[in-house]
């Protein structure tokens, strides 16, 4: 790790009643222009986010 954000990169949308709203990073893949971040919500659903380099 070389830096840390002040706020979260991923903020989950409103979930069903009783579900947790915590996102856990699972892995990341880097290419020339983007970082592909794989994460899970509620420890059951896996998602992928594309982060663009600035």
N, C-alpha and C. Protein backbone atom coordinates (compact mmCIF):
# COMPACT_ATOMS: atom_id res chain seq x y z
N UNK A 1 0.85 -1.15 0.00
CA UNK A 1 0.00 0.00 0.00
C UNK A 1 0.90 1.23 0.00
N UNK A 2 0.59 2.20 -0.86
CA UNK A 2 1.41 3.41 -0.93
C UNK A 2 0.64 4.65 -0.49
N UNK A 3 -0.69 4.57 -0.42
CA UNK A 3 -1.48 5.72 0.00
C UNK A 3 -2.85 5.24 0.47
N UNK A 4 -3.55 6.14 1.11
CA UNK A 4 -4.87 5.81 1.61
C UNK A 4 -5.82 6.97 1.36
N UNK A 5 -7.07 6.68 1.01
CA UNK A 5 -8.09 7.72 0.75
C UNK A 5 -8.65 8.24 2.07
N UNK A 6 -9.16 9.46 2.02
CA UNK A 6 -9.84 10.01 3.18
C UNK A 6 -11.21 9.37 3.37
N UNK A 7 -11.85 9.01 2.25
CA UNK A 7 -13.18 8.39 2.30
C UNK A 7 -13.18 7.09 1.53
N UNK A 8 -14.30 6.37 1.55
CA UNK A 8 -14.37 5.08 0.85
C UNK A 8 -14.36 5.24 -0.67
N UNK A 9 -13.72 4.30 -1.36
CA UNK A 9 -13.77 4.24 -2.83
C UNK A 9 -15.09 3.65 -3.30
N UNK A 10 -15.58 2.67 -2.57
CA UNK A 10 -16.81 1.97 -2.92
C UNK A 10 -17.80 2.17 -1.79
N UNK A 11 -18.98 2.67 -2.13
CA UNK A 11 -20.05 2.82 -1.15
C UNK A 11 -21.25 2.04 -1.66
N UNK A 12 -21.69 1.02 -0.95
CA UNK A 12 -22.80 0.20 -1.42
C UNK A 12 -24.10 0.98 -1.48
N UNK A 13 -24.95 0.58 -2.42
CA UNK A 13 -26.28 1.18 -2.53
C UNK A 13 -27.13 0.66 -1.37
N UNK A 14 -28.30 1.23 -1.23
CA UNK A 14 -29.21 0.78 -0.17
C UNK A 14 -29.52 -0.69 -0.36
N UNK A 15 -29.42 -1.45 0.71
CA UNK A 15 -29.65 -2.89 0.65
C UNK A 15 -30.97 -3.24 1.31
N UNK A 16 -31.38 -4.46 1.12
CA UNK A 16 -32.61 -4.95 1.73
C UNK A 16 -32.52 -4.85 3.25
N UNK A 17 -33.63 -4.77 3.88
CA UNK A 17 -33.68 -4.65 5.34
C UNK A 17 -32.94 -5.80 5.99
N UNK A 18 -32.09 -5.48 6.96
CA UNK A 18 -31.35 -6.49 7.69
C UNK A 18 -30.01 -6.85 7.07
N UNK A 19 -29.73 -6.42 5.84
CA UNK A 19 -28.45 -6.73 5.19
C UNK A 19 -27.39 -5.75 5.66
N UNK A 20 -26.15 -6.20 5.73
CA UNK A 20 -25.06 -5.31 6.11
C UNK A 20 -24.62 -4.49 4.91
N UNK A 21 -24.13 -3.30 5.15
CA UNK A 21 -23.71 -2.42 4.06
C UNK A 21 -22.19 -2.27 4.05
N UNK A 22 -21.49 -3.38 4.19
CA UNK A 22 -20.03 -3.36 4.23
C UNK A 22 -19.49 -3.99 2.95
N UNK A 23 -18.55 -3.29 2.31
CA UNK A 23 -17.90 -3.81 1.11
C UNK A 23 -16.46 -4.19 1.46
N UNK A 24 -16.06 -5.40 1.07
CA UNK A 24 -14.71 -5.88 1.32
C UNK A 24 -13.99 -6.08 -0.01
N UNK A 25 -12.81 -5.49 -0.16
CA UNK A 25 -12.01 -5.70 -1.36
C UNK A 25 -11.54 -7.14 -1.39
N UNK A 26 -11.66 -7.78 -2.56
CA UNK A 26 -11.24 -9.17 -2.72
C UNK A 26 -9.92 -9.24 -3.47
N UNK A 27 -9.79 -8.46 -4.55
CA UNK A 27 -8.55 -8.43 -5.32
C UNK A 27 -8.59 -7.25 -6.27
N UNK A 28 -7.47 -7.00 -6.93
CA UNK A 28 -7.39 -5.90 -7.90
C UNK A 28 -6.46 -6.32 -9.03
N UNK A 29 -6.80 -5.86 -10.23
CA UNK A 29 -5.97 -6.10 -11.42
C UNK A 29 -5.70 -4.74 -12.05
N UNK A 30 -4.46 -4.50 -12.41
CA UNK A 30 -4.04 -3.21 -12.95
C UNK A 30 -3.67 -3.37 -14.42
N UNK A 31 -4.13 -2.42 -15.26
CA UNK A 31 -3.65 -2.35 -16.64
C UNK A 31 -3.16 -0.92 -16.89
N UNK A 32 -2.95 -0.54 -18.13
CA UNK A 32 -2.36 0.78 -18.42
C UNK A 32 -3.23 1.95 -17.98
N UNK A 33 -4.56 1.82 -18.12
CA UNK A 33 -5.45 2.95 -17.86
C UNK A 33 -6.36 2.80 -16.66
N UNK A 34 -6.54 1.57 -16.16
CA UNK A 34 -7.53 1.33 -15.12
C UNK A 34 -7.01 0.36 -14.06
N UNK A 35 -7.73 0.37 -12.97
CA UNK A 35 -7.57 -0.65 -11.95
C UNK A 35 -8.93 -1.30 -11.80
N UNK A 36 -8.98 -2.61 -11.93
CA UNK A 36 -10.22 -3.37 -11.78
C UNK A 36 -10.25 -3.88 -10.34
N UNK A 37 -11.21 -3.41 -9.56
CA UNK A 37 -11.31 -3.77 -8.16
C UNK A 37 -12.47 -4.74 -7.98
N UNK A 38 -12.17 -5.92 -7.48
CA UNK A 38 -13.19 -6.93 -7.19
C UNK A 38 -13.51 -6.85 -5.71
N UNK A 39 -14.80 -6.81 -5.38
CA UNK A 39 -15.20 -6.67 -3.98
C UNK A 39 -16.49 -7.42 -3.72
N UNK A 40 -16.76 -7.69 -2.47
CA UNK A 40 -17.99 -8.39 -2.11
C UNK A 40 -18.81 -7.53 -1.15
N UNK A 41 -20.12 -7.72 -1.23
CA UNK A 41 -21.05 -7.07 -0.31
C UNK A 41 -21.74 -8.16 0.50
N UNK A 42 -21.85 -7.93 1.78
CA UNK A 42 -22.52 -8.86 2.69
C UNK A 42 -21.93 -10.26 2.63
N UNK A 43 -20.68 -10.38 2.23
CA UNK A 43 -19.99 -11.67 2.15
C UNK A 43 -20.70 -12.70 1.28
N UNK A 44 -21.48 -12.23 0.27
CA UNK A 44 -22.14 -13.22 -0.59
C UNK A 44 -22.18 -12.81 -2.05
N UNK A 45 -22.19 -11.54 -2.37
CA UNK A 45 -22.29 -11.07 -3.75
C UNK A 45 -20.97 -10.46 -4.18
N UNK A 46 -20.41 -10.93 -5.30
CA UNK A 46 -19.14 -10.42 -5.81
C UNK A 46 -19.40 -9.40 -6.92
N UNK A 47 -18.68 -8.29 -6.89
CA UNK A 47 -18.83 -7.22 -7.88
C UNK A 47 -17.46 -6.80 -8.38
N UNK A 48 -17.46 -6.03 -9.49
CA UNK A 48 -16.23 -5.49 -10.04
C UNK A 48 -16.44 -4.01 -10.33
N UNK A 49 -15.47 -3.21 -9.94
CA UNK A 49 -15.51 -1.77 -10.21
C UNK A 49 -14.28 -1.42 -11.06
N UNK A 50 -14.45 -0.50 -11.99
CA UNK A 50 -13.35 -0.04 -12.81
C UNK A 50 -12.97 1.36 -12.34
N UNK A 51 -11.73 1.50 -11.90
CA UNK A 51 -11.22 2.78 -11.43
C UNK A 51 -10.30 3.35 -12.50
N UNK A 52 -10.54 4.57 -12.90
CA UNK A 52 -9.74 5.20 -13.94
C UNK A 52 -8.58 5.96 -13.31
N UNK A 53 -7.44 5.84 -13.93
CA UNK A 53 -6.26 6.59 -13.47
C UNK A 53 -6.42 8.07 -13.82
N UNK A 54 -5.95 8.92 -12.96
CA UNK A 54 -5.98 10.37 -13.22
C UNK A 54 -4.60 10.86 -13.60
